[in-house]
């Protein structure tokens, strides 16, 4: 099959993420893969096409979409449909596609997808990675029922209507979509979670890495890495670090980029915690080495959320055989999945007492935490491989 994968989340050249992993699996199965992805304004590049790893890659210049403020992001999304349509017509206009893959966010690409489906007369599989516009309303960015809400809700309904199949990240996500959109029917909505290649290497602990980042050799290491945005309720994590400043058995690593990085940086400068290290960026090799000394991966979702989410950072933790500690909202089922696999623990975000208890339990029962880490890797193999995602999607086209 000729497959067009439309995404704003394709990694930079030489890097990988869950979307490139999935695309490579389709490539390895003999399909011809054409990528249409975003190169954001901050990268300073114009639209360009190249062949990479046996795939066609079209990087389309857009405004900044990720790790930016809500206003700039909204403007960029408004312009995105036209930018993608013009570039795809120019570079892929003469191709024939049997299938389009598209992942949210954004949800506002319904017009683009309708035009592409009509042009190529093909099927559309929607990878629903984020359910808009509920998060914006929960965070107070827009009012539920207001003009902006109705605009995003219109596009949400439209993109569901256009899609032939909708793959949700978890059972809770599928149930939520069907509950809010009963017109869809269960035959159109299924679970198709985040997935990744299973690594064929072990992450080896290295005391030199601990020394480099000031981590005591006998401390259990808790990692929170990725997007540092408002929705993760990072004040809760900062409060935890302050309360455990004299507790020598736990050390926290926080890294990534996002709208709340500067705030975290100010907090660290003010309090200078001995039990935590904050970083904005690490070379891939350094990050891989860092994963080798981490014991527990953190999943944080603010309790203000009223809908289920499934953060992709979970895959990095499972790959590195970390136990997983979730502090999440009640509507999200990621904690249940982790606990049912004996791969970690969950608490409700905001319940500082139970979260502190969980940190201490995972720090002091090192043997039990290691077993959870092994179970986490087994969970990856059982549910979150690209082979499984490929089979779920292609089951409709056998």
Protein backbone atom coordinates (compact mmCIF):
# COMPACT_ATOMS: atom_id res chain seq x y z
CA UNK A 1 0.00 0.00 0.00
CA UNK A 2 0.95 3.63 -0.51
CA UNK A 3 0.39 5.31 2.86
CA UNK A 4 0.36 9.03 3.65
CA UNK A 5 1.16 9.77 7.30
CA UNK A 6 0.19 13.33 8.25
CA UNK A 7 1.59 14.51 11.59
CA UNK A 8 2.92 17.57 13.39
CA UNK A 9 4.97 15.38 15.75
CA UNK A 10 7.60 13.82 13.50
CA UNK A 11 11.08 13.82 15.10
CA UNK A 12 14.07 15.75 13.83
CA UNK A 13 16.41 13.98 11.44
CA UNK A 14 18.37 11.23 13.15
CA UNK A 15 15.95 10.97 16.08
CA UNK A 16 13.02 8.66 16.80
CA UNK A 17 9.64 8.82 18.47
CA UNK A 18 6.52 6.68 18.60
CA UNK A 19 5.34 7.95 15.19
CA UNK A 20 8.59 7.22 13.38
CA UNK A 21 8.68 3.79 15.05
CA UNK A 22 5.21 3.00 13.71
CA UNK A 23 6.01 4.31 10.24
CA UNK A 24 9.15 2.17 10.09
CA UNK A 25 7.11 -0.90 10.97
CA UNK A 26 4.83 -0.20 7.98
CA UNK A 27 7.94 0.31 5.85
CA UNK A 28 9.42 -2.99 7.05
CA UNK A 29 6.17 -4.73 6.12
CA UNK A 30 6.64 -3.62 2.51
CA UNK A 31 4.46 -0.50 2.34
CA UNK A 32 5.50 2.77 0.69
CA UNK A 33 5.51 5.49 3.36
CA UNK A 34 5.07 9.19 2.62
CA UNK A 35 5.37 11.54 5.60
CA UNK A 36 3.91 15.07 5.69
CA UNK A 37 5.10 16.69 8.91
CA UNK A 38 5.73 20.07 10.50
CA UNK A 39 8.99 21.95 10.84
CA UNK A 40 8.20 24.69 13.32
CA UNK A 41 9.21 28.31 12.89
CA UNK A 42 11.73 28.17 15.74
CA UNK A 43 13.76 25.63 13.76
CA UNK A 44 14.51 28.27 11.11
CA UNK A 45 13.92 25.98 8.11
CA UNK A 46 11.85 26.30 4.95
CA UNK A 47 9.63 23.54 3.56
CA UNK A 48 11.75 20.76 2.06
CA UNK A 49 11.55 17.13 0.87
CA UNK A 50 14.04 14.30 1.30
CA UNK A 51 14.24 10.53 1.44
CA UNK A 52 15.30 9.13 4.79
CA UNK A 53 15.42 5.54 6.08
CA UNK A 54 13.58 4.27 3.04
CA UNK A 55 10.68 6.73 3.52
CA UNK A 56 9.60 9.93 1.77
CA UNK A 57 9.77 12.86 4.23
CA UNK A 58 8.11 16.22 3.51
CA UNK A 59 8.84 18.78 6.24
CA UNK A 60 6.41 21.69 6.00
CA UNK A 61 7.20 25.05 7.55
CA UNK A 62 4.54 26.08 10.10
CA UNK A 63 4.29 28.34 13.10
CA UNK A 64 5.29 27.08 16.54
CA UNK A 65 2.79 24.44 17.68
CA UNK A 66 4.41 22.70 20.64
CA UNK A 67 6.11 24.08 23.75
CA UNK A 68 4.69 27.56 23.24
CA UNK A 69 1.93 29.75 24.63
CA UNK A 70 -1.75 29.17 23.90
CA UNK A 71 -2.11 32.27 21.66
CA UNK A 72 0.82 31.45 19.38
CA UNK A 73 -0.24 27.80 19.24
CA UNK A 74 -3.81 28.74 18.27
CA UNK A 75 -2.66 31.03 15.46
CA UNK A 76 -0.27 28.38 14.16
CA UNK A 77 -3.04 25.79 14.11
CA UNK A 78 -5.35 28.12 12.19
CA UNK A 79 -2.73 28.46 9.43
CA UNK A 80 -1.67 24.81 9.42
CA UNK A 81 -4.40 23.38 7.15
CA UNK A 82 -3.54 25.66 4.25
CA UNK A 83 0.23 25.22 4.70
CA UNK A 84 -0.06 21.43 4.66
CA UNK A 85 -2.52 21.34 1.76
CA UNK A 86 -0.31 23.50 -0.49
CA UNK A 87 2.85 21.51 0.31
CA UNK A 88 1.20 18.10 -0.10
CA UNK A 89 -0.30 19.15 -3.46
CA UNK A 90 3.10 20.37 -4.62
CA UNK A 91 5.22 17.39 -3.57
CA UNK A 92 2.76 14.47 -3.42
CA UNK A 93 0.04 15.66 -5.79
CA UNK A 94 0.66 12.96 -8.39
CA UNK A 95 0.85 10.07 -5.92
CA UNK A 96 -1.93 7.55 -5.26
CA UNK A 97 -2.65 6.66 -1.64
CA UNK A 98 -4.76 3.82 -0.25
CA UNK A 99 -4.54 4.91 3.39
CA UNK A 100 -4.00 8.12 5.36
CA UNK A 101 -2.76 7.97 8.95
CA UNK A 102 -3.26 11.08 11.06
CA UNK A 103 -2.61 11.66 14.74
CA UNK A 104 -4.07 14.31 17.01
CA UNK A 105 -3.30 16.90 18.15
CA UNK A 106 -4.39 19.01 16.35
CA UNK A 107 -8.10 18.29 16.08
CA UNK A 108 -8.60 21.31 13.78
CA UNK A 109 -7.28 19.55 10.64
CA UNK A 110 -10.71 18.24 9.66
CA UNK A 111 -10.84 20.42 6.52
CA UNK A 112 -7.41 19.26 5.39
CA UNK A 113 -8.24 15.60 5.93
CA UNK A 114 -11.55 15.90 4.08
CA UNK A 115 -9.75 17.38 1.06
CA UNK A 116 -7.06 14.68 1.15
CA UNK A 117 -9.59 11.86 1.44
CA UNK A 118 -11.59 13.25 -1.47
CA UNK A 119 -8.47 13.83 -3.59
CA UNK A 120 -7.02 10.36 -3.09
CA UNK A 121 -10.31 8.48 -2.55
CA UNK A 122 -8.77 6.51 0.29
CA UNK A 123 -9.37 5.42 3.89
CA UNK A 124 -8.43 7.45 6.98
CA UNK A 125 -7.24 5.93 10.24
CA UNK A 126 -7.27 8.48 13.07
CA UNK A 127 -4.74 7.94 15.86
CA UNK A 128 -6.46 9.81 18.68
CA UNK A 129 -3.55 10.80 20.93
CA UNK A 130 -5.30 13.71 22.64
CA UNK A 131 -9.03 14.33 23.02
CA UNK A 132 -9.77 18.01 22.34
CA UNK A 133 -11.11 20.44 23.49
CA UNK A 134 -11.70 19.08 27.00
CA UNK A 135 -8.19 19.71 28.30
CA UNK A 136 -8.28 23.40 27.36
CA UNK A 137 -11.57 23.80 29.24
CA UNK A 138 -10.26 21.91 32.29
CA UNK A 139 -7.22 24.20 32.45
CA UNK A 140 -9.39 27.31 32.17
CA UNK A 141 -8.02 28.34 28.77
CA UNK A 142 -11.52 28.42 27.29
CA UNK A 143 -15.06 28.20 28.65
CA UNK A 144 -17.06 25.05 28.00
CA UNK A 145 -19.98 26.06 25.81
CA UNK A 146 -18.32 29.30 24.65
CA UNK A 147 -17.46 30.30 21.08
CA UNK A 148 -13.94 28.80 21.17
CA UNK A 149 -15.31 25.60 22.72
CA UNK A 150 -17.95 25.26 20.00
CA UNK A 151 -15.28 25.85 17.31
CA UNK A 152 -13.04 23.04 18.60
CA UNK A 153 -16.00 20.77 19.30
CA UNK A 154 -17.18 21.25 15.71
CA UNK A 155 -13.79 20.12 14.40
CA UNK A 156 -13.74 17.20 16.84
CA UNK A 157 -17.10 15.92 15.58
CA UNK A 158 -16.10 16.56 11.97
CA UNK A 159 -12.81 14.70 12.17
CA UNK A 160 -14.56 11.72 13.80
CA UNK A 161 -17.10 11.76 10.98
CA UNK A 162 -14.39 11.85 8.30
CA UNK A 163 -12.32 9.05 9.85
CA UNK A 164 -13.07 5.47 8.85
CA UNK A 165 -11.53 4.17 12.07
CA UNK A 166 -10.53 5.82 15.34
CA UNK A 167 -7.74 4.32 17.45
CA UNK A 168 -7.80 5.45 21.11
CA UNK A 169 -4.91 5.05 23.51
CA UNK A 170 -6.73 3.07 26.22
CA UNK A 171 -10.10 1.52 27.06
CA UNK A 172 -11.03 4.59 29.11
CA UNK A 173 -10.31 6.81 26.11
CA UNK A 174 -12.48 4.71 23.81
CA UNK A 175 -15.34 4.74 26.31
CA UNK A 176 -15.06 8.52 26.71
CA UNK A 177 -15.20 9.14 22.96
CA UNK A 178 -18.23 6.90 22.53
CA UNK A 179 -19.99 8.46 25.52
CA UNK A 180 -19.53 11.99 24.15
CA UNK A 181 -20.21 10.94 20.54
CA UNK A 182 -22.81 8.13 20.59
CA UNK A 183 -23.45 8.58 16.86
CA UNK A 184 -20.11 6.92 16.06
CA UNK A 185 -20.84 3.34 17.02
CA UNK A 186 -18.44 0.87 18.61
CA UNK A 187 -17.36 -0.63 15.25
CA UNK A 188 -15.57 2.63 14.39
CA UNK A 189 -13.80 3.18 17.72
CA UNK A 190 -11.13 0.84 19.09
CA UNK A 191 -8.04 0.77 21.30
CA UNK A 192 -4.81 1.39 19.38
CA UNK A 193 -2.34 2.62 22.00
CA UNK A 194 1.02 4.36 21.86
CA UNK A 195 3.67 1.89 20.81
CA UNK A 196 7.40 1.56 20.22
CA UNK A 197 10.13 -0.78 19.08
CA UNK A 198 11.27 -3.05 21.90
CA UNK A 199 14.97 -2.30 22.54
CA UNK A 200 17.46 -5.12 22.14
CA UNK A 201 19.86 -3.64 24.67
CA UNK A 202 19.98 -3.27 28.42
CA UNK A 203 20.31 0.08 30.17
CA UNK A 204 23.37 -0.42 32.37
CA UNK A 205 23.69 1.48 35.68
CA UNK A 206 26.82 3.62 35.82
CA UNK A 207 28.07 5.31 38.98
CA UNK A 208 29.97 7.84 36.87
CA UNK A 209 26.61 9.09 35.59
CA UNK A 210 25.44 9.46 39.19
CA UNK A 211 28.52 11.46 40.06
CA UNK A 212 28.04 13.69 36.99
CA UNK A 213 24.58 14.76 38.13
CA UNK A 214 25.22 14.74 41.88
CA UNK A 215 23.09 11.67 42.61
CA UNK A 216 23.98 9.67 45.76
CA UNK A 217 24.90 6.06 44.98
CA UNK A 218 22.37 4.62 47.43
CA UNK A 219 19.41 6.83 46.43
CA UNK A 220 16.53 5.55 44.27
CA UNK A 221 16.13 7.79 41.22
CA UNK A 222 12.71 9.10 40.15
CA UNK A 223 12.49 10.52 36.62
CA UNK A 224 9.99 12.94 35.10
CA UNK A 225 11.06 13.76 31.55
CA UNK A 226 9.33 15.30 28.53
CA UNK A 227 6.86 18.12 28.14
CA UNK A 228 6.86 20.37 31.21
CA UNK A 229 3.43 21.95 30.84
CA UNK A 230 0.70 23.20 33.13
CA UNK A 231 -1.41 20.09 32.75
CA UNK A 232 1.03 17.92 34.69
CA UNK A 233 0.53 19.88 37.91
CA UNK A 234 4.26 20.24 38.50
CA UNK A 235 3.76 22.34 41.64
CA UNK A 236 2.74 19.06 43.23
CA UNK A 237 6.09 17.52 42.30
CA UNK A 238 8.00 20.57 43.59
CA UNK A 239 6.11 20.31 46.88
CA UNK A 240 7.09 16.63 47.11
CA UNK A 241 10.76 17.47 46.55
CA UNK A 242 10.68 20.14 49.27
CA UNK A 243 9.06 17.81 51.78
CA UNK A 244 11.60 15.08 51.07
CA UNK A 245 14.68 17.34 51.09
CA UNK A 246 16.08 15.56 54.17
CA UNK A 247 15.05 12.12 52.94
CA UNK A 248 18.25 10.68 51.48
CA UNK A 249 16.79 7.58 49.85
CA UNK A 250 15.07 9.34 46.94
CA UNK A 251 16.46 11.64 44.23
CA UNK A 252 14.41 13.36 41.52
CA UNK A 253 15.42 14.10 37.93
CA UNK A 254 13.21 16.55 36.03
CA UNK A 255 13.97 17.31 32.42
CA UNK A 256 12.51 18.56 29.19
CA UNK A 257 10.95 21.73 27.83
CA UNK A 258 7.61 23.45 27.98
CA UNK A 259 5.69 26.42 29.29
CA UNK A 260 6.54 25.65 32.93
CA UNK A 261 10.28 25.09 32.61
CA UNK A 262 11.14 28.68 33.58
CA UNK A 263 8.92 28.43 36.63
CA UNK A 264 10.65 25.23 37.70
CA UNK A 265 14.01 26.87 37.12
CA UNK A 266 13.06 29.76 39.42
CA UNK A 267 11.94 27.33 42.11
CA UNK A 268 15.20 25.40 41.93
CA UNK A 269 17.26 28.59 42.14
CA UNK A 270 15.27 29.74 45.13
CA UNK A 271 15.34 26.54 47.18
CA UNK A 272 18.45 24.79 45.77
CA UNK A 273 17.21 21.29 46.61
CA UNK A 274 19.82 18.65 47.39
CA UNK A 275 17.57 15.83 46.27
CA UNK A 276 16.77 16.94 42.72
CA UNK A 277 18.34 17.96 39.41
CA UNK A 278 16.63 19.99 36.67
CA UNK A 279 17.79 19.97 33.04
CA UNK A 280 16.40 21.42 29.82
CA UNK A 281 18.14 19.25 27.26
CA UNK A 282 20.54 16.33 27.13
CA UNK A 283 22.25 14.75 24.11
CA UNK A 284 20.62 11.43 23.23
CA UNK A 285 23.61 9.40 24.48
CA UNK A 286 23.60 11.23 27.82
CA UNK A 287 19.87 10.66 28.21
CA UNK A 288 20.27 6.96 27.43
CA UNK A 289 22.97 6.75 30.11
CA UNK A 290 20.70 8.58 32.51
CA UNK A 291 17.91 6.07 31.94
CA UNK A 292 20.27 3.34 33.09
CA UNK A 293 20.39 4.70 36.65
CA UNK A 294 16.69 5.51 37.04
CA UNK A 295 14.50 3.27 39.15
CA UNK A 296 11.05 4.86 38.83
CA UNK A 297 9.35 6.83 36.05
CA UNK A 298 6.76 9.43 37.05
CA UNK A 299 3.42 10.01 35.29
CA UNK A 300 1.70 13.22 36.44
CA UNK A 301 -1.72 14.47 35.31
CA UNK A 302 -3.42 17.31 37.15
CA UNK A 303 -6.59 16.27 38.98
CA UNK A 304 -8.45 19.15 37.30
CA UNK A 305 -8.73 17.03 34.14
CA UNK A 306 -12.13 15.46 33.50
CA UNK A 307 -11.14 13.15 30.66
CA UNK A 308 -8.68 10.25 30.24
CA UNK A 309 -5.14 10.75 28.94
CA UNK A 310 -2.26 8.38 28.26
CA UNK A 311 1.12 10.19 28.25
CA UNK A 312 3.62 8.80 25.74
CA UNK A 313 6.49 9.13 28.25
CA UNK A 314 5.26 5.82 29.67
CA UNK A 315 6.95 4.01 26.78
CA UNK A 316 10.40 5.36 27.68
CA UNK A 317 9.94 4.12 31.24
CA UNK A 318 8.81 0.66 30.14
CA UNK A 319 11.72 0.36 27.71
CA UNK A 320 14.21 1.14 30.48
CA UNK A 321 12.60 -1.38 32.86
CA UNK A 322 11.55 1.26 35.38
CA UNK A 323 8.77 0.88 37.87
CA UNK A 324 6.08 3.51 37.22
CA UNK A 325 4.52 5.83 39.79
CA UNK A 326 1.35 7.56 38.59
CA UNK A 327 -0.25 10.60 40.23
CA UNK A 328 -3.20 11.17 37.92
CA UNK A 329 -6.82 12.28 37.69
CA UNK A 330 -9.57 9.78 38.45
CA UNK A 331 -10.81 9.55 34.85
CA UNK A 332 -7.46 8.28 33.52
CA UNK A 333 -6.82 4.52 33.46
CA UNK A 334 -3.05 4.52 32.99
CA UNK A 335 -2.53 3.93 36.72
CA UNK A 336 -4.90 0.97 36.71
CA UNK A 337 -3.07 -0.58 33.77
CA UNK A 338 0.29 -0.16 35.50
CA UNK A 339 -0.97 -1.58 38.80
CA UNK A 340 -2.77 -4.52 37.15
CA UNK A 341 0.53 -5.46 35.51
CA UNK A 342 2.35 -5.16 38.87
CA UNK A 343 4.57 -2.62 37.13
CA UNK A 344 4.12 0.25 39.59
CA UNK A 345 1.77 2.21 41.82
CA UNK A 346 -0.84 4.93 41.42
CA UNK A 347 -2.25 7.74 43.54
CA UNK A 348 -4.64 10.60 42.87
CA UNK A 349 -2.82 13.76 41.83
CA UNK A 350 -2.87 16.25 44.69
CA UNK A 351 -2.96 13.66 47.47
CA UNK A 352 0.48 14.48 48.82
CA UNK A 353 0.31 12.00 51.69
CA UNK A 354 -0.27 8.92 49.54
CA UNK A 355 2.27 10.12 46.98
CA UNK A 356 4.96 10.53 49.65
CA UNK A 357 4.14 7.06 50.99
CA UNK A 358 4.51 5.60 47.50
CA UNK A 359 7.87 7.34 46.96
CA UNK A 360 9.19 5.97 50.25
CA UNK A 361 7.90 2.46 49.55
CA UNK A 362 9.56 2.38 46.13
CA UNK A 363 12.78 3.83 47.58
CA UNK A 364 13.08 1.40 50.48
CA UNK A 365 11.87 -1.83 48.86
CA UNK A 366 14.53 -1.91 46.15
CA UNK A 367 13.97 -5.58 45.37
CA UNK A 368 10.24 -5.06 44.89
CA UNK A 369 10.85 -1.98 42.74
CA UNK A 370 13.22 -3.94 40.52
CA UNK A 371 10.59 -6.66 40.04
CA UNK A 372 8.10 -3.95 39.05
CA UNK A 373 10.62 -2.73 36.50
CA UNK A 374 10.88 -6.21 34.97
CA UNK A 375 7.09 -6.38 34.86
CA UNK A 376 7.06 -2.97 33.15
CA UNK A 377 9.22 -4.33 30.33
CA UNK A 378 6.88 -7.31 30.03
CA UNK A 379 3.94 -4.90 29.81
CA UNK A 380 5.68 -3.17 26.89
CA UNK A 381 6.11 -6.48 25.10
CA UNK A 382 2.53 -7.55 25.74
CA UNK A 383 0.63 -4.37 24.84
CA UNK A 384 2.73 -1.55 23.42
CA UNK A 385 4.83 -2.84 20.53
CA UNK A 386 4.66 -1.37 17.02
CA UNK A 387 3.90 -4.88 15.78
CA UNK A 388 0.69 -4.84 17.82
CA UNK A 389 -0.29 -1.37 16.54
CA UNK A 390 0.43 -2.41 12.96
CA UNK A 391 -1.79 -5.48 13.31
CA UNK A 392 -4.65 -3.46 14.83
CA UNK A 393 -4.61 -0.97 11.94
CA UNK A 394 -4.05 -3.45 9.13
CA UNK A 395 -6.76 -5.78 10.43
CA UNK A 396 -9.18 -3.43 8.65
CA UNK A 397 -7.37 -3.80 5.31
CA UNK A 398 -6.51 -7.50 5.23
